[in-house]
Amino acid sequence: MTSPTGTTAKSNVGLTYGLIGGIAMIVYTLCLYLVGIQAFMNFGLAFLVYGIIIFIAVLAGLKQKKLQGGYLSFAEALKTVFLTFVLAFLLSTIFNFVLLNYIDPGFRDQMAQATMEKLEGIMRRLGAPDSDIEKAMEGAASADNYTFAKMLLGYGTMCILFCLISLVIAAIIKKNRPPFDNAFKE
């Protein structure tokens, strides 16, 4: 890729911002972990990390656009933004797997217990019969949601979701070069 000044850009913006996003997600997750189980499982706080990575992905697309003289095709924007998401979530997924399975498996067990308590509370508020609540609790107790396969499935699901978000971001930040932009400059 050549910049407007004629020099070749050596870095891959999606890769760079994906690493930045992954590190940001890991630091954020680590902070939630250090605060405790209530913060780690707080929906609002957990949702904030998605806003952070979306912001970083938009910055990646805008940086790529700037490197190309203010023009960026839809395909290039999509590639940059989606790569940012994929890499950031890969790093985050690997960190979460290591944290919950090797660094502090007890924290994983605390999360499972807190999840079961929330599930029971929701079912009771909805008026579910005790037999249904017991079945749900047994199913939740026997499920291990932190295996490599399940975390990989969650990663794949997030990639699909962020592909859709990448499509929207790419459509917004793209700016095609005018067809005859260089025709009279030569």
C-alpha atoms as a PDB file:
ATOM      1  CA  MET A   1       0.000   0.000   0.000  1.00  0.00           C
ATOM      2  CA  THR A   2       1.358   3.397  -0.945  1.00  0.00           C
ATOM      3  CA  SER A   3       0.624   6.558   0.972  1.00  0.00           C
ATOM      4  CA  PRO A   4      -0.064   9.896  -0.757  1.00  0.00           C
ATOM      5  CA  THR A   5       3.590  10.834  -0.328  1.00  0.00           C
ATOM      6  CA  GLY A   6       4.667   7.782  -2.315  1.00  0.00           C
ATOM      7  CA  THR A   7       6.107   5.821   0.605  1.00  0.00           C
ATOM      8  CA  THR A   8       4.951   2.331   1.413  1.00  0.00           C
ATOM      9  CA  ALA A   9       3.161   1.843   4.725  1.00  0.00           C
ATOM     10  CA  LYS A  10       4.974  -0.945   6.562  1.00  0.00           C
ATOM     11  CA  SER A  11       2.491  -1.571   9.368  1.00  0.00           C
ATOM     12  CA  ASN A  12      -0.857  -3.285   9.288  1.00  0.00           C
ATOM     13  CA  VAL A  13      -3.314  -0.990  11.025  1.00  0.00           C
ATOM     14  CA  GLY A  14      -5.794  -3.772  11.822  1.00  0.00           C
ATOM     15  CA  LEU A  15      -3.060  -5.854  13.416  1.00  0.00           C
ATOM     16  CA  THR A  16      -1.700  -2.935  15.442  1.00  0.00           C
ATOM     17  CA  TYR A  17      -5.096  -1.793  16.686  1.00  0.00           C
ATOM     18  CA  GLY A  18      -6.166  -5.405  17.299  1.00  0.00           C
ATOM     19  CA  LEU A  19      -3.198  -5.802  19.634  1.00  0.00           C
ATOM     20  CA  ILE A  20      -4.046  -2.511  21.330  1.00  0.00           C
ATOM     21  CA  GLY A  21      -7.686  -3.580  21.665  1.00  0.00           C
ATOM     22  CA  GLY A  22      -6.723  -6.996  23.006  1.00  0.00           C
ATOM     23  CA  ILE A  23      -4.422  -5.489  25.592  1.00  0.00           C
ATOM     24  CA  ALA A  24      -7.131  -2.985  26.586  1.00  0.00           C
ATOM     25  CA  MET A  25      -9.665  -5.808  26.988  1.00  0.00           C
ATOM     26  CA  ILE A  26      -7.217  -7.872  29.053  1.00  0.00           C
ATOM     27  CA  VAL A  27      -6.405  -4.941  31.349  1.00  0.00           C
ATOM     28  CA  TYR A  28     -10.117  -4.162  31.761  1.00  0.00           C
ATOM     29  CA  THR A  29     -10.923  -7.818  32.513  1.00  0.00           C
ATOM     30  CA  LEU A  30      -8.053  -7.977  34.978  1.00  0.00           C
ATOM     31  CA  CYS A  31      -9.358  -4.880  36.766  1.00  0.00           C
ATOM     32  CA  LEU A  32     -12.853  -6.409  37.030  1.00  0.00           C
ATOM     33  CA  TYR A  33     -11.312  -9.641  38.300  1.00  0.00           C
ATOM     34  CA  LEU A  34      -9.328  -7.802  40.968  1.00  0.00           C
ATOM     35  CA  VAL A  35     -12.415  -5.920  42.143  1.00  0.00           C
ATOM     36  CA  GLY A  36     -14.317  -9.184  42.599  1.00  0.00           C
ATOM     37  CA  ILE A  37     -17.025 -11.475  41.371  1.00  0.00           C
ATOM     38  CA  GLN A  38     -19.802  -8.855  41.559  1.00  0.00           C
ATOM     39  CA  ALA A  39     -17.922  -6.454  39.294  1.00  0.00           C
ATOM     40  CA  PHE A  40     -16.808  -9.248  36.973  1.00  0.00           C
ATOM     41  CA  MET A  41     -20.393 -10.402  36.469  1.00  0.00           C
ATOM     42  CA  ASN A  42     -21.970  -6.932  36.371  1.00  0.00           C
ATOM     43  CA  PHE A  43     -23.756  -6.651  33.029  1.00  0.00           C
ATOM     44  CA  GLY A  44     -23.175  -2.909  32.676  1.00  0.00           C
ATOM     45  CA  LEU A  45     -19.479  -3.107  33.443  1.00  0.00           C
ATOM     46  CA  ALA A  46     -19.029  -6.124  31.178  1.00  0.00           C
ATOM     47  CA  PHE A  47     -20.892  -4.356  28.390  1.00  0.00           C
ATOM     48  CA  LEU A  48     -18.547  -1.364  28.626  1.00  0.00           C
ATOM     49  CA  VAL A  49     -15.689  -3.457  27.201  1.00  0.00           C
ATOM     50  CA  TYR A  50     -17.663  -3.798  23.966  1.00  0.00           C
ATOM     51  CA  GLY A  51     -17.909  -0.021  23.698  1.00  0.00           C
ATOM     52  CA  ILE A  52     -14.163   0.231  24.208  1.00  0.00           C
ATOM     53  CA  ILE A  53     -13.324  -2.256  21.460  1.00  0.00           C
ATOM     54  CA  ILE A  54     -15.833  -0.706  19.046  1.00  0.00           C
ATOM     55  CA  PHE A  55     -14.186   2.681  19.658  1.00  0.00           C
ATOM     56  CA  ILE A  56     -10.733   1.179  19.002  1.00  0.00           C
ATOM     57  CA  ALA A  57     -11.986  -0.495  15.805  1.00  0.00           C
ATOM     58  CA  VAL A  58     -13.395   2.816  14.538  1.00  0.00           C
ATOM     59  CA  LEU A  59     -10.043   4.468  15.301  1.00  0.00           C
ATOM     60  CA  ALA A  60      -8.317   1.710  13.302  1.00  0.00           C
ATOM     61  CA  GLY A  61     -10.551   2.354  10.305  1.00  0.00           C
ATOM     62  CA  LEU A  62     -10.000   6.099  10.497  1.00  0.00           C
ATOM     63  CA  LYS A  63      -6.228   5.611  10.806  1.00  0.00           C
ATOM     64  CA  GLN A  64      -6.247   3.393   7.693  1.00  0.00           C
ATOM     65  CA  LYS A  65      -8.275   6.046   5.882  1.00  0.00           C
ATOM     66  CA  LYS A  66      -5.786   8.741   6.899  1.00  0.00           C
ATOM     67  CA  LEU A  67      -2.849   6.608   5.703  1.00  0.00           C
ATOM     68  CA  GLN A  68      -4.513   6.354   2.308  1.00  0.00           C
ATOM     69  CA  GLY A  69      -4.928  10.071   1.838  1.00  0.00           C
ATOM     70  CA  GLY A  70      -8.475  10.327   3.175  1.00  0.00           C
ATOM     71  CA  TYR A  71      -9.886   7.599   0.945  1.00  0.00           C
ATOM     72  CA  LEU A  72     -10.803   4.082   1.974  1.00  0.00           C
ATOM     73  CA  SER A  73     -12.807   1.538   0.054  1.00  0.00           C
ATOM     74  CA  PHE A  74     -15.529  -0.431   1.785  1.00  0.00           C
ATOM     75  CA  ALA A  75     -13.492  -3.654   1.449  1.00  0.00           C
ATOM     76  CA  GLU A  76     -10.365  -2.087   2.960  1.00  0.00           C
ATOM     77  CA  ALA A  77     -12.374  -0.562   5.804  1.00  0.00           C
ATOM     78  CA  LEU A  78     -14.077  -3.887   6.498  1.00  0.00           C
ATOM     79  CA  LYS A  79     -10.760  -5.744   6.504  1.00  0.00           C
ATOM     80  CA  THR A  80      -9.122  -3.303   8.917  1.00  0.00           C
ATOM     81  CA  VAL A  81     -12.043  -3.052  11.333  1.00  0.00           C
ATOM     82  CA  PHE A  82     -12.847  -6.777  11.356  1.00  0.00           C
ATOM     83  CA  LEU A  83      -9.191  -7.725  11.850  1.00  0.00           C
ATOM     84  CA  THR A  84      -9.097  -5.385  14.842  1.00  0.00           C
ATOM     85  CA  PHE A  85     -12.112  -7.147  16.381  1.00  0.00           C
ATOM     86  CA  VAL A  86     -10.899 -10.674  15.597  1.00  0.00           C
ATOM     87  CA  LEU A  87      -7.446 -10.170  17.068  1.00  0.00           C
ATOM     88  CA  ALA A  88      -8.662  -8.272  20.146  1.00  0.00           C
ATOM     89  CA  PHE A  89     -11.236 -10.935  20.984  1.00  0.00           C
ATOM     90  CA  LEU A  90      -8.764 -13.744  20.335  1.00  0.00           C
ATOM     91  CA  LEU A  91      -6.343 -12.256  22.856  1.00  0.00           C
ATOM     92  CA  SER A  92      -9.155 -11.646  25.332  1.00  0.00           C
ATOM     93  CA  THR A  93     -10.511 -15.195  24.946  1.00  0.00           C
ATOM     94  CA  ILE A  94      -7.069 -16.724  25.490  1.00  0.00           C
ATOM     95  CA  PHE A  95      -6.550 -14.574  28.583  1.00  0.00           C
ATOM     96  CA  ASN A  96      -9.974 -15.475  30.005  1.00  0.00           C
ATOM     97  CA  PHE A  97      -9.342 -19.180  29.390  1.00  0.00           C
ATOM     98  CA  VAL A  98      -5.992 -19.051  31.166  1.00  0.00           C
ATOM     99  CA  LEU A  99      -7.380 -16.937  34.023  1.00  0.00           C
ATOM    100  CA  LEU A 100     -10.392 -19.148  34.682  1.00  0.00           C
ATOM    101  CA  ASN A 101      -8.758 -22.528  34.125  1.00  0.00           C
ATOM    102  CA  TYR A 102      -5.171 -22.122  35.341  1.00  0.00           C
ATOM    103  CA  ILE A 103      -4.615 -18.929  37.322  1.00  0.00           C
ATOM    104  CA  ASP A 104      -7.774 -18.997  39.481  1.00  0.00           C
ATOM    105  CA  PRO A 105     -10.123 -21.961  38.907  1.00  0.00           C
ATOM    106  CA  GLY A 106     -11.830 -21.076  42.189  1.00  0.00           C
ATOM    107  CA  PHE A 107     -12.988 -17.810  40.614  1.00  0.00           C
ATOM    108  CA  ARG A 108     -14.573 -19.829  37.804  1.00  0.00           C
ATOM    109  CA  ASP A 109     -16.454 -21.842  40.429  1.00  0.00           C
ATOM    110  CA  GLN A 110     -17.597 -18.629  42.121  1.00  0.00           C
ATOM    111  CA  MET A 111     -18.879 -17.379  38.760  1.00  0.00           C
ATOM    112  CA  ALA A 112     -20.782 -20.618  38.194  1.00  0.00           C
ATOM    113  CA  GLN A 113     -22.374 -20.328  41.642  1.00  0.00           C
ATOM    114  CA  ALA A 114     -23.313 -16.667  41.117  1.00  0.00           C
ATOM    115  CA  THR A 115     -24.784 -17.527  37.710  1.00  0.00           C
ATOM    116  CA  MET A 116     -26.910 -20.271  39.255  1.00  0.00           C
ATOM    117  CA  GLU A 117     -28.154 -17.883  41.931  1.00  0.00           C
ATOM    118  CA  LYS A 118     -29.114 -15.296  39.315  1.00  0.00           C
ATOM    119  CA  LEU A 119     -30.849 -17.964  37.223  1.00  0.00           C
ATOM    120  CA  GLU A 120     -32.825 -19.162  40.228  1.00  0.00           C
ATOM    121  CA  GLY A 121     -33.843 -15.600  41.108  1.00  0.00           C
ATOM    122  CA  ILE A 122     -35.029 -14.906  37.573  1.00  0.00           C
ATOM    123  CA  MET A 123     -37.001 -18.145  37.413  1.00  0.00           C
ATOM    124  CA  ARG A 124     -38.658 -17.434  40.779  1.00  0.00           C
ATOM    125  CA  ARG A 125     -39.621 -13.904  39.659  1.00  0.00           C
ATOM    126  CA  LEU A 126     -41.163 -15.384  36.519  1.00  0.00           C
ATOM    127  CA  GLY A 127     -43.148 -17.814  38.662  1.00  0.00           C
ATOM    128  CA  ALA A 128     -41.550 -21.028  37.419  1.00  0.00           C
ATOM    129  CA  PRO A 129     -42.527 -24.181  39.307  1.00  0.00           C
ATOM    130  CA  ASP A 130     -39.997 -25.562  41.802  1.00  0.00           C
ATOM    131  CA  SER A 131     -39.516 -28.690  39.677  1.00  0.00           C
ATOM    132  CA  ASP A 132     -38.445 -26.593  36.690  1.00  0.00           C
ATOM    133  CA  ILE A 133     -36.120 -24.550  38.884  1.00  0.00           C
ATOM    134  CA  GLU A 134     -34.519 -27.729  40.240  1.00  0.00           C
ATOM    135  CA  LYS A 135     -33.977 -29.084  36.697  1.00  0.00           C
ATOM    136  CA  ALA A 136     -32.430 -25.806  35.594  1.00  0.00           C
ATOM    137  CA  MET A 137     -30.144 -25.753  38.643  1.00  0.00           C
ATOM    138  CA  GLU A 138     -29.011 -29.339  37.988  1.00  0.00           C
ATOM    139  CA  GLY A 139     -28.276 -28.495  34.353  1.00  0.00           C
ATOM    140  CA  ALA A 140     -26.390 -25.342  35.300  1.00  0.00           C
ATOM    141  CA  ALA A 141     -24.403 -27.192  37.974  1.00  0.00           C
ATOM    142  CA  SER A 142     -23.288 -29.882  35.543  1.00  0.00           C
ATOM    143  CA  ALA A 143     -22.353 -27.481  32.731  1.00  0.00           C
ATOM    144  CA  ASP A 144     -18.744 -26.329  32.466  1.00  0.00           C
ATOM    145  CA  ASN A 145     -18.912 -23.170  30.385  1.00  0.00           C
ATOM    146  CA  TYR A 146     -15.179 -22.497  30.633  1.00  0.00           C
ATOM    147  CA  THR A 147     -13.762 -25.402  28.636  1.00  0.00           C
ATOM    148  CA  PHE A 148     -11.583 -24.604  25.651  1.00  0.00           C
ATOM    149  CA  ALA A 149     -14.293 -25.820  23.237  1.00  0.00           C
ATOM    150  CA  LYS A 150     -17.037 -23.681  24.789  1.00  0.00           C
ATOM    151  CA  MET A 151     -14.848 -20.604  24.972  1.00  0.00           C
ATOM    152  CA  LEU A 152     -13.842 -21.150  21.337  1.00  0.00           C
ATOM    153  CA  LEU A 153     -17.529 -21.404  20.417  1.00  0.00           C
ATOM    154  CA  GLY A 154     -18.160 -18.142  22.264  1.00  0.00           C
ATOM    155  CA  TYR A 155     -15.264 -16.561  20.366  1.00  0.00           C
ATOM    156  CA  GLY A 156     -16.749 -17.718  17.058  1.00  0.00           C
ATOM    157  CA  THR A 157     -20.125 -16.299  17.995  1.00  0.00           C
ATOM    158  CA  MET A 158     -18.510 -12.963  18.860  1.00  0.00           C
ATOM    159  CA  CYS A 159     -16.705 -12.966  15.512  1.00  0.00           C
ATOM    160  CA  ILE A 160     -20.044 -13.329  13.712  1.00  0.00           C
ATOM    161  CA  LEU A 161     -21.564 -10.512  15.756  1.00  0.00           C
ATOM    162  CA  PHE A 162     -18.580  -8.248  15.186  1.00  0.00           C
ATOM    163  CA  CYS A 163     -18.561  -9.048  11.478  1.00  0.00           C
ATOM    164  CA  LEU A 164     -21.995  -7.441  11.337  1.00  0.00           C
ATOM    165  CA  ILE A 165     -20.795  -4.472  13.372  1.00  0.00           C
ATOM    166  CA  SER A 166     -17.728  -4.225  11.103  1.00  0.00           C
ATOM    167  CA  LEU A 167     -20.023  -4.016   8.075  1.00  0.00           C
ATOM    168  CA  VAL A 168     -21.823  -1.036   9.615  1.00  0.00           C
ATOM    169  CA  ILE A 169     -18.599   0.718  10.636  1.00  0.00           C
ATOM    170  CA  ALA A 170     -17.020   0.124   7.211  1.00  0.00           C
ATOM    171  CA  ALA A 171     -20.097   1.536   5.472  1.00  0.00           C
ATOM    172  CA  ILE A 172     -19.905   4.663   7.614  1.00  0.00           C
ATOM    173  CA  ILE A 173     -16.159   5.395   7.337  1.00  0.00           C
ATOM    174  CA  LYS A 174     -15.556   4.427   3.708  1.00  0.00           C
ATOM    175  CA  LYS A 175     -14.813   7.146   1.204  1.00  0.00           C
ATOM    176  CA  ASN A 176     -14.168   6.148  -2.375  1.00  0.00           C
ATOM    177  CA  ARG A 177     -11.585   7.938  -4.428  1.00  0.00           C
ATOM    178  CA  PRO A 178     -13.209   9.952  -7.254  1.00  0.00           C
ATOM    179  CA  PRO A 179     -12.914   8.004 -10.537  1.00  0.00           C
ATOM    180  CA  PHE A 180     -10.890  10.689 -12.317  1.00  0.00           C
ATOM    181  CA  ASP A 181      -8.893  11.904  -9.328  1.00  0.00           C
ATOM    182  CA  ASN A 182      -5.455  11.364 -10.915  1.00  0.00           C
ATOM    183  CA  ALA A 183      -6.463  11.762 -14.572  1.00  0.00           C
ATOM    184  CA  PHE A 184      -5.403  15.415 -14.952  1.00  0.00           C
ATOM    185  CA  LYS A 185      -2.498  15.399 -12.480  1.00  0.00           C
ATOM    186  CA  GLU A 186      -0.159  13.385 -14.685  1.00  0.00           C
END
